[in-house]
């Protein structure tokens, strides 16, 4: 699972950065759809890894904290993305790609949880 999360996040970051270099609207929509879709796939992988790395008593708390951070991130992104677009179109998409690449790097450090007994 961890390898899938790293791979999908890296490809999503590349697609997000490539949006800046698109030459027609169809290419923009396609690349942005790939970036968003793979970002959601990576988030789903993370949501399936997360309960396996914490004790049973804390699983619901950890999942709710993860979802709260995701919602806070979406509110912050909704605020900053238009500001980045006003600043420069390039900054908005590269910032999104940098965030995705950073998430991919952090995902490498997640423990492997396949074939381990649950706590």
PDB file of N, CA and C in Angstrom:
ATOM      1  N   UNK A   1       0.816  -1.203   0.000  1.00  0.00           N
ATOM      2  CA  UNK A   1       0.000   0.000   0.000  1.00  0.00           C
ATOM      3  C   UNK A   1       0.851   1.255   0.000  1.00  0.00           C
ATOM      4  N   UNK A   2       1.917   1.207   0.800  1.00  0.00           N
ATOM      5  CA  UNK A   2       2.752   2.400   0.921  1.00  0.00           C
ATOM      6  C   UNK A   2       3.359   2.762  -0.434  1.00  0.00           C
ATOM      7  N   UNK A   3       3.800   1.749  -1.193  1.00  0.00           N
ATOM      8  CA  UNK A   3       4.396   2.021  -2.500  1.00  0.00           C
ATOM      9  C   UNK A   3       3.379   2.626  -3.455  1.00  0.00           C
ATOM     10  N   UNK A   4       2.129   2.161  -3.367  1.00  0.00           N
ATOM     11  CA  UNK A   4       1.073   2.743  -4.201  1.00  0.00           C
ATOM     12  C   UNK A   4       0.847   4.205  -3.842  1.00  0.00           C
ATOM     13  N   UNK A   5       0.886   4.494  -2.543  1.00  0.00           N
ATOM     14  CA  UNK A   5       0.660   5.868  -2.117  1.00  0.00           C
ATOM     15  C   UNK A   5       1.773   6.785  -2.613  1.00  0.00           C
ATOM     16  N   UNK A   6       3.006   6.338  -2.506  1.00  0.00           N
ATOM     17  CA  UNK A   6       4.137   7.156  -2.962  1.00  0.00           C
ATOM     18  C   UNK A   6       4.037   7.367  -4.471  1.00  0.00           C
ATOM     19  N   UNK A   7       3.761   6.300  -5.218  1.00  0.00           N
ATOM     20  CA  UNK A   7       3.679   6.409  -6.677  1.00  0.00           C
ATOM     21  C   UNK A   7       2.558   7.314  -7.144  1.00  0.00           C
ATOM     22  N   UNK A   8       1.377   7.148  -6.566  1.00  0.00           N
ATOM     23  CA  UNK A   8       0.260   7.980  -7.004  1.00  0.00           C
ATOM     24  C   UNK A   8       0.474   9.444  -6.629  1.00  0.00           C
ATOM     25  N   UNK A   9       1.109   9.686  -5.488  1.00  0.00           N
ATOM     26  CA  UNK A   9       1.343  11.065  -5.078  1.00  0.00           C
ATOM     27  C   UNK A   9       2.379  11.736  -5.972  1.00  0.00           C
ATOM     28  N   UNK A  10       3.417  11.013  -6.360  1.00  0.00           N
ATOM     29  CA  UNK A  10       4.433  11.579  -7.262  1.00  0.00           C
ATOM     30  C   UNK A  10       3.824  11.891  -8.627  1.00  0.00           C
ATOM     31  N   UNK A  11       3.039  10.966  -9.168  1.00  0.00           N
ATOM     32  CA  UNK A  11       2.418  11.203 -10.477  1.00  0.00           C
ATOM     33  C   UNK A  11       1.417  12.356 -10.386  1.00  0.00           C
ATOM     34  N   UNK A  12       0.700  12.453  -9.281  1.00  0.00           N
ATOM     35  CA  UNK A  12      -0.228  13.574  -9.101  1.00  0.00           C
ATOM     36  C   UNK A  12       0.530  14.899  -9.058  1.00  0.00           C
ATOM     37  N   UNK A  13       1.679  14.912  -8.399  1.00  0.00           N
ATOM     38  CA  UNK A  13       2.497  16.125  -8.374  1.00  0.00           C
ATOM     39  C   UNK A  13       3.019  16.498  -9.745  1.00  0.00           C
ATOM     40  N   UNK A  14       3.442  15.509 -10.513  1.00  0.00           N
ATOM     41  CA  UNK A  14       3.906  15.784 -11.883  1.00  0.00           C
ATOM     42  C   UNK A  14       2.770  16.310 -12.757  1.00  0.00           C
ATOM     43  N   UNK A  15       1.597  15.724 -12.621  1.00  0.00           N
ATOM     44  CA  UNK A  15       0.444  16.191 -13.398  1.00  0.00           C
ATOM     45  C   UNK A  15       0.052  17.604 -13.004  1.00  0.00           C
ATOM     46  N   UNK A  16       0.135  17.893 -11.714  1.00  0.00           N
ATOM     47  CA  UNK A  16      -0.202  19.237 -11.241  1.00  0.00           C
ATOM     48  C   UNK A  16       0.783  20.265 -11.785  1.00  0.00           C
ATOM     49  N   UNK A  17       2.064  19.928 -11.794  1.00  0.00           N
ATOM     50  CA  UNK A  17       3.061  20.853 -12.343  1.00  0.00           C
ATOM     51  C   UNK A  17       2.935  20.988 -13.855  1.00  0.00           C
ATOM     52  N   UNK A  18       2.533  19.913 -14.533  1.00  0.00           N
ATOM     53  CA  UNK A  18       2.414  19.939 -15.991  1.00  0.00           C
ATOM     54  C   UNK A  18       1.233  20.782 -16.462  1.00  0.00           C
ATOM     55  N   UNK A  19       0.284  21.069 -15.580  1.00  0.00           N
ATOM     56  CA  UNK A  19      -0.864  21.901 -15.965  1.00  0.00           C
ATOM     57  C   UNK A  19      -0.390  23.262 -16.460  1.00  0.00           C
ATOM     58  N   UNK A  20       0.666  23.776 -15.861  1.00  0.00           N
ATOM     59  CA  UNK A  20       1.183  25.092 -16.263  1.00  0.00           C
ATOM     60  C   UNK A  20       1.653  25.097 -17.720  1.00  0.00           C
ATOM     61  N   UNK A  21       2.143  23.965 -18.185  1.00  0.00           N
ATOM     62  CA  UNK A  21       2.690  23.895 -19.538  1.00  0.00           C
ATOM     63  C   UNK A  21       1.676  23.446 -20.573  1.00  0.00           C
ATOM     64  N   UNK A  22       0.405  23.281 -20.194  1.00  0.00           N
ATOM     65  CA  UNK A  22      -0.598  22.826 -21.152  1.00  0.00           C
ATOM     66  C   UNK A  22      -0.873  23.879 -22.216  1.00  0.00           C
ATOM     67  N   UNK A  23      -1.249  23.380 -23.380  1.00  0.00           N
ATOM     68  CA  UNK A  23      -1.424  24.287 -24.520  1.00  0.00           C
ATOM     69  C   UNK A  23      -2.882  24.457 -24.932  1.00  0.00           C
ATOM     70  N   UNK A  24      -3.766  23.633 -24.397  1.00  0.00           N
ATOM     71  CA  UNK A  24      -5.186  23.795 -24.734  1.00  0.00           C
ATOM     72  C   UNK A  24      -6.051  23.394 -23.536  1.00  0.00           C
ATOM     73  N   UNK A  25      -7.309  23.804 -23.532  1.00  0.00           N
ATOM     74  CA  UNK A  25      -8.182  23.532 -22.380  1.00  0.00           C
ATOM     75  C   UNK A  25      -8.383  22.043 -22.089  1.00  0.00           C
ATOM     76  N   UNK A  26      -8.417  21.215 -23.120  1.00  0.00           N
ATOM     77  CA  UNK A  26      -8.597  19.780 -22.902  1.00  0.00           C
ATOM     78  C   UNK A  26      -7.416  19.200 -22.124  1.00  0.00           C
ATOM     79  N   UNK A  27      -6.239  19.667 -22.427  1.00  0.00           N
ATOM     80  CA  UNK A  27      -5.048  19.206 -21.724  1.00  0.00           C
ATOM     81  C   UNK A  27      -5.066  19.650 -20.261  1.00  0.00           C
ATOM     82  N   UNK A  28      -5.532  20.874 -20.011  1.00  0.00           N
ATOM     83  CA  UNK A  28      -5.636  21.381 -18.633  1.00  0.00           C
ATOM     84  C   UNK A  28      -6.601  20.518 -17.831  1.00  0.00           C
ATOM     85  N   UNK A  29      -7.765  20.258 -18.400  1.00  0.00           N
ATOM     86  CA  UNK A  29      -8.777  19.460 -17.701  1.00  0.00           C
ATOM     87  C   UNK A  29      -8.263  18.041 -17.458  1.00  0.00           C
ATOM     88  N   UNK A  30      -7.618  17.464 -18.449  1.00  0.00           N
ATOM     89  CA  UNK A  30      -7.104  16.092 -18.309  1.00  0.00           C
ATOM     90  C   UNK A  30      -6.038  16.008 -17.220  1.00  0.00           C
ATOM     91  N   UNK A  31      -5.064  16.901 -17.262  1.00  0.00           N
ATOM     92  CA  UNK A  31      -3.981  16.859 -16.279  1.00  0.00           C
ATOM     93  C   UNK A  31      -4.490  17.157 -14.868  1.00  0.00           C
ATOM     94  N   UNK A  32      -5.378  18.127 -14.768  1.00  0.00           N
ATOM     95  CA  UNK A  32      -5.899  18.453 -13.442  1.00  0.00           C
ATOM     96  C   UNK A  32      -6.761  17.313 -12.907  1.00  0.00           C
ATOM     97  N   UNK A  33      -7.514  16.651 -13.770  1.00  0.00           N
ATOM     98  CA  UNK A  33      -8.309  15.493 -13.342  1.00  0.00           C
ATOM     99  C   UNK A  33      -7.415  14.357 -12.869  1.00  0.00           C
ATOM    100  N   UNK A  34      -6.311  14.144 -13.568  1.00  0.00           N
ATOM    101  CA  UNK A  34      -5.351  13.120 -13.140  1.00  0.00           C
ATOM    102  C   UNK A  34      -4.777  13.482 -11.780  1.00  0.00           C
ATOM    103  N   UNK A  35      -4.393  14.738 -11.607  1.00  0.00           N
ATOM    104  CA  UNK A  35      -3.807  15.165 -10.338  1.00  0.00           C
ATOM    105  C   UNK A  35      -4.790  14.998  -9.186  1.00  0.00           C
ATOM    106  N   UNK A  36      -6.020  15.418  -9.375  1.00  0.00           N
ATOM    107  CA  UNK A  36      -7.017  15.320  -8.304  1.00  0.00           C
ATOM    108  C   UNK A  36      -7.380  13.856  -8.035  1.00  0.00           C
ATOM    109  N   UNK A  37      -7.581  13.094  -9.084  1.00  0.00           N
ATOM    110  CA  UNK A  37      -7.943  11.686  -8.911  1.00  0.00           C
ATOM    111  C   UNK A  37      -6.869  10.894  -8.191  1.00  0.00           C
ATOM    112  N   UNK A  38      -5.617  11.095  -8.576  1.00  0.00           N
ATOM    113  CA  UNK A  38      -4.537  10.370  -7.923  1.00  0.00           C
ATOM    114  C   UNK A  38      -4.295  10.872  -6.498  1.00  0.00           C
ATOM    115  N   UNK A  39      -4.570  12.141  -6.255  1.00  0.00           N
ATOM    116  CA  UNK A  39      -4.467  12.653  -4.883  1.00  0.00           C
ATOM    117  C   UNK A  39      -5.489  11.965  -3.983  1.00  0.00           C
ATOM    118  N   UNK A  40      -6.696  11.778  -4.491  1.00  0.00           N
ATOM    119  CA  UNK A  40      -7.716  11.073  -3.713  1.00  0.00           C
ATOM    120  C   UNK A  40      -7.343   9.598  -3.540  1.00  0.00           C
ATOM    121  N   UNK A  41      -6.722   8.994  -4.546  1.00  0.00           N
ATOM    122  CA  UNK A  41      -6.286   7.599  -4.416  1.00  0.00           C
ATOM    123  C   UNK A  41      -5.204   7.466  -3.353  1.00  0.00           C
ATOM    124  N   UNK A  42      -4.280   8.416  -3.316  1.00  0.00           N
ATOM    125  CA  UNK A  42      -3.230   8.395  -2.293  1.00  0.00           C
ATOM    126  C   UNK A  42      -3.825   8.591  -0.905  1.00  0.00           C
ATOM    127  N   UNK A  43      -4.815   9.451  -0.809  1.00  0.00           N
ATOM    128  CA  UNK A  43      -5.475   9.672   0.485  1.00  0.00           C
ATOM    129  C   UNK A  43      -6.197   8.408   0.933  1.00  0.00           C
ATOM    130  N   UNK A  44      -6.789   7.684  -0.002  1.00  0.00           N
ATOM    131  CA  UNK A  44      -7.467   6.432   0.351  1.00  0.00           C
ATOM    132  C   UNK A  44      -6.460   5.391   0.831  1.00  0.00           C
ATOM    133  N   UNK A  45      -5.280   5.343   0.197  1.00  0.00           N
ATOM    134  CA  UNK A  45      -4.228   4.430   0.667  1.00  0.00           C
ATOM    135  C   UNK A  45      -3.807   4.792   2.087  1.00  0.00           C
ATOM    136  N   UNK A  46      -3.639   6.077   2.337  1.00  0.00           N
ATOM    137  CA  UNK A  46      -3.241   6.522   3.674  1.00  0.00           C
ATOM    138  C   UNK A  46      -4.310   6.168   4.700  1.00  0.00           C
ATOM    139  N   UNK A  47      -5.555   6.326   4.329  1.00  0.00           N
ATOM    140  CA  UNK A  47      -6.642   5.998   5.261  1.00  0.00           C
ATOM    141  C   UNK A  47      -6.705   4.506   5.562  1.00  0.00           C
ATOM    142  N   UNK A  48      -6.222   3.678   4.651  1.00  0.00           N
ATOM    143  CA  UNK A  48      -6.217   2.240   4.929  1.00  0.00           C
ATOM    144  C   UNK A  48      -4.965   1.819   5.697  1.00  0.00           C
ATOM    145  N   UNK A  49      -3.879   2.587   5.597  1.00  0.00           N
ATOM    146  CA  UNK A  49      -2.663   2.273   6.346  1.00  0.00           C
ATOM    147  C   UNK A  49      -2.785   2.759   7.788  1.00  0.00           C
ATOM    148  N   UNK A  50      -3.375   3.907   7.963  1.00  0.00           N
ATOM    149  CA  UNK A  50      -3.408   4.568   9.266  1.00  0.00           C
ATOM    150  C   UNK A  50      -3.959   3.711  10.405  1.00  0.00           C
ATOM    151  N   UNK A  51      -5.090   3.025  10.255  1.00  0.00           N
ATOM    152  CA  UNK A  51      -5.600   2.230  11.387  1.00  0.00           C
ATOM    153  C   UNK A  51      -4.684   1.078  11.781  1.00  0.00           C
ATOM    154  N   UNK A  52      -3.832   0.624  10.871  1.00  0.00           N
ATOM    155  CA  UNK A  52      -2.965  -0.516  11.173  1.00  0.00           C
ATOM    156  C   UNK A  52      -1.724  -0.146  11.964  1.00  0.00           C
ATOM    157  N   UNK A  53      -1.413   1.129  12.073  1.00  0.00           N
ATOM    158  CA  UNK A  53      -0.171   1.504  12.752  1.00  0.00           C
ATOM    159  C   UNK A  53      -0.407   2.095  14.144  1.00  0.00           C
ATOM    160  N   UNK A  54      -1.650   2.117  14.588  1.00  0.00           N
ATOM    161  CA  UNK A  54      -1.947   2.613  15.934  1.00  0.00           C
ATOM    162  C   UNK A  54      -2.715   1.537  16.698  1.00  0.00           C
ATOM    163  N   UNK A  55      -2.635   1.548  18.026  1.00  0.00           N
ATOM    164  CA  UNK A  55      -3.394   0.566  18.821  1.00  0.00           C
ATOM    165  C   UNK A  55      -4.904   0.731  18.638  1.00  0.00           C
ATOM    166  N   UNK A  56      -5.617  -0.327  18.879  1.00  0.00           N
ATOM    167  CA  UNK A  56      -7.062  -0.354  18.670  1.00  0.00           C
ATOM    168  C   UNK A  56      -7.785   0.742  19.439  1.00  0.00           C
ATOM    169  N   UNK A  57      -7.357   1.023  20.638  1.00  0.00           N
ATOM    170  CA  UNK A  57      -8.051   2.010  21.470  1.00  0.00           C
ATOM    171  C   UNK A  57      -7.991   3.418  20.883  1.00  0.00           C
ATOM    172  N   UNK A  58      -7.017   3.678  20.046  1.00  0.00           N
ATOM    173  CA  UNK A  58      -6.833   5.033  19.518  1.00  0.00           C
ATOM    174  C   UNK A  58      -7.196   5.176  18.036  1.00  0.00           C
ATOM    175  N   UNK A  59      -7.668   4.121  17.408  1.00  0.00           N
ATOM    176  CA  UNK A  59      -7.903   4.169  15.960  1.00  0.00           C
ATOM    177  C   UNK A  59      -8.923   5.230  15.554  1.00  0.00           C
ATOM    178  N   UNK A  60     -10.034   5.274  16.229  1.00  0.00           N
ATOM    179  CA  UNK A  60     -11.057   6.252  15.838  1.00  0.00           C
ATOM    180  C   UNK A  60     -10.564   7.677  16.061  1.00  0.00           C
ATOM    181  N   UNK A  61      -9.778   7.885  17.113  1.00  0.00           N
ATOM    182  CA  UNK A  61      -9.237   9.224  17.377  1.00  0.00           C
ATOM    183  C   UNK A  61      -8.253   9.627  16.288  1.00  0.00           C
ATOM    184  N   UNK A  62      -7.382   8.716  15.904  1.00  0.00           N
ATOM    185  CA  UNK A  62      -6.381   9.016  14.880  1.00  0.00           C
ATOM    186  C   UNK A  62      -7.049   9.274  13.531  1.00  0.00           C
ATOM    187  N   UNK A  63      -8.053   8.495  13.197  1.00  0.00           N
ATOM    188  CA  UNK A  63      -8.748   8.702  11.925  1.00  0.00           C
ATOM    189  C   UNK A  63      -9.478  10.038  11.926  1.00  0.00           C
ATOM    190  N   UNK A  64     -10.102  10.398  13.042  1.00  0.00           N
ATOM    191  CA  UNK A  64     -10.805  11.689  13.086  1.00  0.00           C
ATOM    192  C   UNK A  64      -9.822  12.855  13.027  1.00  0.00           C
ATOM    193  N   UNK A  65      -8.645  12.721  13.642  1.00  0.00           N
ATOM    194  CA  UNK A  65      -7.628  13.774  13.535  1.00  0.00           C
ATOM    195  C   UNK A  65      -7.145  13.893  12.090  1.00  0.00           C
ATOM    196  N   UNK A  66      -6.964  12.766  11.426  1.00  0.00           N
ATOM    197  CA  UNK A  66      -6.542  12.782  10.021  1.00  0.00           C
ATOM    198  C   UNK A  66      -7.577  13.471   9.138  1.00  0.00           C
ATOM    199  N   UNK A  67      -8.835  13.141   9.343  1.00  0.00           N
ATOM    200  CA  UNK A  67      -9.897  13.774   8.550  1.00  0.00           C
ATOM    201  C   UNK A  67     -10.016  15.262   8.862  1.00  0.00           C
ATOM    202  N   UNK A  68      -9.826  15.636  10.128  1.00  0.00           N
ATOM    203  CA  UNK A  68      -9.873  17.048  10.504  1.00  0.00           C
ATOM    204  C   UNK A  68      -8.739  17.825   9.841  1.00  0.00           C
ATOM    205  N   UNK A  69      -7.548  17.231   9.812  1.00  0.00           N
ATOM    206  CA  UNK A  69      -6.415  17.890   9.141  1.00  0.00           C
ATOM    207  C   UNK A  69      -6.692  18.038   7.641  1.00  0.00           C
ATOM    208  N   UNK A  70      -7.313  17.041   7.039  1.00  0.00           N
ATOM    209  CA  UNK A  70      -7.659  17.138   5.627  1.00  0.00           C
ATOM    210  C   UNK A  70      -8.656  18.246   5.348  1.00  0.00           C
ATOM    211  N   UNK A  71      -9.636  18.365   6.208  1.00  0.00           N
ATOM    212  CA  UNK A  71     -10.626  19.438   6.024  1.00  0.00           C
ATOM    213  C   UNK A  71     -10.013  20.803   6.279  1.00  0.00           C
ATOM    214  N   UNK A  72      -9.129  20.900   7.259  1.00  0.00           N
ATOM    215  CA  UNK A  72      -8.431  22.172   7.511  1.00  0.00           C
ATOM    216  C   UNK A  72      -7.558  22.530   6.313  1.00  0.00           C
ATOM    217  N   UNK A  73      -6.910  21.528   5.730  1.00  0.00           N
ATOM    218  CA  UNK A  73      -6.094  21.761   4.538  1.00  0.00           C
ATOM    219  C   UNK A  73      -6.920  22.228   3.356  1.00  0.00           C
ATOM    220  N   UNK A  74      -8.116  21.687   3.213  1.00  0.00           N
ATOM    221  CA  UNK A  74      -8.960  22.131   2.102  1.00  0.00           C
ATOM    222  C   UNK A  74      -9.434  23.566   2.308  1.00  0.00           C
ATOM    223  N   UNK A  75      -9.676  23.958   3.562  1.00  0.00           N
ATOM    224  CA  UNK A  75     -10.065  25.353   3.822  1.00  0.00           C
ATOM    225  C   UNK A  75      -8.888  26.295   3.574  1.00  0.00           C
ATOM    226  N   UNK A  76      -7.712  25.898   4.027  1.00  0.00           N
ATOM    227  CA  UNK A  76      -6.525  26.735   3.809  1.00  0.00           C
ATOM    228  C   UNK A  76      -6.212  26.824   2.319  1.00  0.00           C
ATOM    229  N   UNK A  77      -6.313  25.699   1.601  1.00  0.00           N
ATOM    230  CA  UNK A  77      -6.069  25.711   0.162  1.00  0.00           C
ATOM    231  C   UNK A  77      -7.061  26.574  -0.594  1.00  0.00           C
ATOM    232  N   UNK A  78      -8.312  26.555  -0.164  1.00  0.00           N
ATOM    233  CA  UNK A  78      -9.331  27.394  -0.795  1.00  0.00           C
ATOM    234  C   UNK A  78      -9.024  28.870  -0.594  1.00  0.00           C
ATOM    235  N   UNK A  79      -8.396  29.195   0.509  1.00  0.00           N
ATOM    236  CA  UNK A  79      -8.030  30.588   0.769  1.00  0.00           C
ATOM    237  C   UNK A  79      -6.782  30.993  -0.031  1.00  0.00           C
ATOM    238  N   UNK A  80      -5.761  30.138  -0.043  1.00  0.00           N
ATOM    239  CA  UNK A  80      -4.487  30.526  -0.641  1.00  0.00           C
ATOM    240  C   UNK A  80      -4.411  30.349  -2.155  1.00  0.00           C
ATOM    241  N   UNK A  81      -5.123  29.373  -2.733  1.00  0.00           N
ATOM    242  CA  UNK A  81      -5.010  29.129  -4.165  1.00  0.00           C
ATOM    243  C   UNK A  81      -5.371  30.356  -5.002  1.00  0.00           C
ATOM    244  N   UNK A  82      -6.482  31.068  -4.722  1.00  0.00           N
ATOM    245  CA  UNK A  82      -6.761  32.279  -5.504  1.00  0.00           C
ATOM    246  C   UNK A  82      -5.695  33.368  -5.320  1.00  0.00           C
ATOM    247  N   UNK A  83      -5.118  33.437  -4.117  1.00  0.00           N
ATOM    248  CA  UNK A  83      -4.051  34.433  -3.902  1.00  0.00           C
ATOM    249  C   UNK A  83      -2.830  34.091  -4.736  1.00  0.00           C
ATOM    250  N   UNK A  84      -2.509  32.800  -4.817  1.00  0.00           N
ATOM    251  CA  UNK A  84      -1.392  32.386  -5.662  1.00  0.00           C
ATOM    252  C   UNK A  84      -1.688  32.647  -7.136  1.00  0.00           C
ATOM    253  N   UNK A  85      -2.947  32.457  -7.537  1.00  0.00           N
ATOM    254  CA  UNK A  85      -3.315  32.723  -8.938  1.00  0.00           C
ATOM    255  C   UNK A  85      -3.181  34.204  -9.265  1.00  0.00           C
ATOM    256  N   UNK A  86      -3.527  35.071  -8.307  1.00  0.00           N
ATOM    257  CA  UNK A  86      -3.350  36.512  -8.522  1.00  0.00           C
ATOM    258  C   UNK A  86      -1.868  36.867  -8.620  1.00  0.00           C
ATOM    259  N   UNK A  87      -1.062  36.202  -7.809  1.00  0.00           N
ATOM    260  CA  UNK A  87       0.366  36.467  -7.812  1.00  0.00           C
ATOM    261  C   UNK A  87       0.996  36.042  -9.141  1.00  0.00           C
ATOM    262  N   UNK A  88       0.753  34.793  -9.504  1.00  0.00           N
ATOM    263  CA  UNK A  88       1.275  34.250 -10.748  1.00  0.00           C
ATOM    264  C   UNK A  88       0.663  32.869 -10.931  1.00  0.00           C
ATOM    265  N   UNK A  89       0.234  32.562 -12.120  1.00  0.00           N
ATOM    266  CA  UNK A  89      -0.402  31.266 -12.387  1.00  0.00           C
ATOM    267  C   UNK A  89       0.574  30.123 -12.112  1.00  0.00           C
ATOM    268  N   UNK A  90       1.828  30.330 -12.436  1.00  0.00           N
ATOM    269  CA  UNK A  90       2.844  29.307 -12.251  1.00  0.00           C
ATOM    270  C   UNK A  90       2.986  28.929 -10.778  1.00  0.00           C
ATOM    271  N   UNK A  91       2.934  29.911  -9.895  1.00  0.00           N
ATOM    272  CA  UNK A  91       3.121  29.675  -8.462  1.00  0.00           C
ATOM    273  C   UNK A  91       2.028  28.751  -7.912  1.00  0.00           C
ATOM    274  N   UNK A  92       0.807  28.930  -8.351  1.00  0.00           N
ATOM    275  CA  UNK A  92      -0.305  28.138  -7.827  1.00  0.00           C
ATOM    276  C   UNK A  92      -0.125  26.646  -8.109  1.00  0.00           C
ATOM    277  N   UNK A  93       0.224  26.299  -9.322  1.00  0.00           N
ATOM    278  CA  UNK A  93       0.338  24.886  -9.679  1.00  0.00           C
ATOM    279  C   UNK A  93       1.634  24.271  -9.163  1.00  0.00           C
ATOM    280  N   UNK A  94       2.699  25.035  -9.148  1.00  0.00           N
ATOM    281  CA  UNK A  94       3.949  24.509  -8.607  1.00  0.00           C
ATOM    282  C   UNK A  94       3.832  24.312  -7.097  1.00  0.00           C
ATOM    283  N   UNK A  95       3.151  25.216  -6.402  1.00  0.00           N
ATOM    284  CA  UNK A  95       2.946  25.051  -4.958  1.00  0.00           C
ATOM    285  C   UNK A  95       2.151  23.776  -4.679  1.00  0.00           C
ATOM    286  N   UNK A  96       1.142  23.510  -5.482  1.00  0.00           N
ATOM    287  CA  UNK A  96       0.362  22.284  -5.334  1.00  0.00           C
ATOM    288  C   UNK A  96       1.243  21.060  -5.582  1.00  0.00           C
ATOM    289  N   UNK A  97       2.073  21.117  -6.599  1.00  0.00           N
ATOM    290  CA  UNK A  97       2.987  20.006  -6.882  1.00  0.00           C
ATOM    291  C   UNK A  97       3.994  19.801  -5.767  1.00  0.00           C
ATOM    292  N   UNK A  98       4.510  20.894  -5.205  1.00  0.00           N
ATOM    293  CA  UNK A  98       5.482  20.783  -4.111  1.00  0.00           C
ATOM    294  C   UNK A  98       4.841  20.134  -2.888  1.00  0.00           C
ATOM    295  N   UNK A  99       3.606  20.497  -2.591  1.00  0.00           N
ATOM    296  CA  UNK A  99       2.903  19.868  -1.467  1.00  0.00           C
ATOM    297  C   UNK A  99       2.738  18.365  -1.719  1.00  0.00           C
ATOM    298  N   UNK A 100       2.384  17.988  -2.939  1.00  0.00           N
ATOM    299  CA  UNK A 100       2.222  16.572  -3.251  1.00  0.00           C
ATOM    300  C   UNK A 100       3.549  15.827  -3.176  1.00  0.00           C
ATOM    301  N   UNK A 101       4.628  16.415  -3.669  1.00  0.00           N
ATOM    302  CA  UNK A 101       5.943  15.772  -3.575  1.00  0.00           C
ATOM    303  C   UNK A 101       6.384  15.629  -2.116  1.00  0.00           C
ATOM    304  N   UNK A 102       6.092  16.630  -1.295  1.00  0.00           N
ATOM    305  CA  UNK A 102       6.420  16.555   0.125  1.00  0.00           C
ATOM    306  C   UNK A 102       5.651  15.414   0.790  1.00  0.00           C
ATOM    307  N   UNK A 103       4.386  15.268   0.440  1.00  0.00           N
ATOM    308  CA  UNK A 103       3.592  14.156   0.978  1.00  0.00           C
ATOM    309  C   UNK A 103       4.161  12.810   0.534  1.00  0.00           C
ATOM    310  N   UNK A 104       4.637  12.738  -0.704  1.00  0.00           N
ATOM    311  CA  UNK A 104       5.234  11.488  -1.186  1.00  0.00           C
ATOM    312  C   UNK A 104       6.498  11.155  -0.401  1.00  0.00           C
ATOM    313  N   UNK A 105       7.301  12.162  -0.098  1.00  0.00           N
ATOM    314  CA  UNK A 105       8.527  11.923   0.675  1.00  0.00           C
ATOM    315  C   UNK A 105       8.184  11.448   2.084  1.00  0.00           C
ATOM    316  N   UNK A 106       7.192  12.078   2.712  1.00  0.00           N
ATOM    317  CA  UNK A 106       6.785  11.640   4.041  1.00  0.00           C
ATOM    318  C   UNK A 106       6.179  10.241   4.011  1.00  0.00           C
ATOM    319  N   UNK A 107       5.531   9.874   2.918  1.00  0.00           N
ATOM    320  CA  UNK A 107       4.914   8.552   2.808  1.00  0.00           C
ATOM    321  C   UNK A 107       5.951   7.440   2.775  1.00  0.00           C
ATOM    322  N   UNK A 108       7.150   7.760   2.334  1.00  0.00           N
ATOM    323  CA  UNK A 108       8.203   6.748   2.309  1.00  0.00           C
ATOM    324  C   UNK A 108       8.507   6.252   3.721  1.00  0.00           C
ATOM    325  N   UNK A 109       8.338   7.102   4.715  1.00  0.00           N
ATOM    326  CA  UNK A 109       8.674   6.751   6.084  1.00  0.00           C
ATOM    327  C   UNK A 109       7.554   6.018   6.824  1.00  0.00           C
ATOM    328  N   UNK A 110       6.414   5.801   6.170  1.00  0.00           N
ATOM    329  CA  UNK A 110       5.349   5.014   6.810  1.00  0.00           C
ATOM    330  C   UNK A 110       5.811   3.572   6.953  1.00  0.00           C
ATOM    331  N   UNK A 111       5.486   2.919   8.052  1.00  0.00           N
ATOM    332  CA  UNK A 111       5.917   1.519   8.214  1.00  0.00           C
ATOM    333  C   UNK A 111       5.130   0.586   7.306  1.00  0.00           C
ATOM    334  N   UNK A 112       5.755  -0.496   6.936  1.00  0.00           N
ATOM    335  CA  UNK A 112       5.051  -1.524   6.158  1.00  0.00           C
ATOM    336  C   UNK A 112       4.149  -2.294   7.121  1.00  0.00           C
ATOM    337  N   UNK A 113       2.897  -2.430   6.741  1.00  0.00           N
ATOM    338  CA  UNK A 113       1.943  -3.065   7.659  1.00  0.00           C
ATOM    339  C   UNK A 113       1.326  -4.329   7.079  1.00  0.00           C
ATOM    340  N   UNK A 114       1.895  -4.862   6.004  1.00  0.00           N
ATOM    341  CA  UNK A 114       1.327  -6.079   5.424  1.00  0.00           C
ATOM    342  C   UNK A 114       1.781  -7.293   6.225  1.00  0.00           C
ATOM    343  N   UNK A 115       0.872  -8.212   6.428  1.00  0.00           N
ATOM    344  CA  UNK A 115       1.090  -9.466   7.129  1.00  0.00           C
ATOM    345  C   UNK A 115       1.585  -9.290   8.560  1.00  0.00           C
ATOM    346  N   UNK A 116       1.168  -8.197   9.203  1.00  0.00           N
ATOM    347  CA  UNK A 116       1.496  -7.994  10.612  1.00  0.00           C
ATOM    348  C   UNK A 116       0.212  -8.153  11.416  1.00  0.00           C
ATOM    349  N   UNK A 117       0.353  -8.642  12.639  1.00  0.00           N
ATOM    350  CA  UNK A 117      -0.829  -8.770  13.487  1.00  0.00           C
ATOM    351  C   UNK A 117      -1.253  -7.397  13.991  1.00  0.00           C
ATOM    352  N   UNK A 118      -2.545  -7.205  14.110  1.00  0.00           N
ATOM    353  CA  UNK A 118      -3.066  -5.928  14.600  1.00  0.00           C
ATOM    354  C   UNK A 118      -2.892  -5.844  16.098  1.00  0.00           C
ATOM    355  N   UNK A 119      -2.670  -4.632  16.597  1.00  0.00           N
ATOM    356  CA  UNK A 119      -2.473  -4.435  18.040  1.00  0.00           C
ATOM    357  C   UNK A 119      -3.796  -4.427  18.779  1.00  0.00           C
TER     358      UNK A 119
END
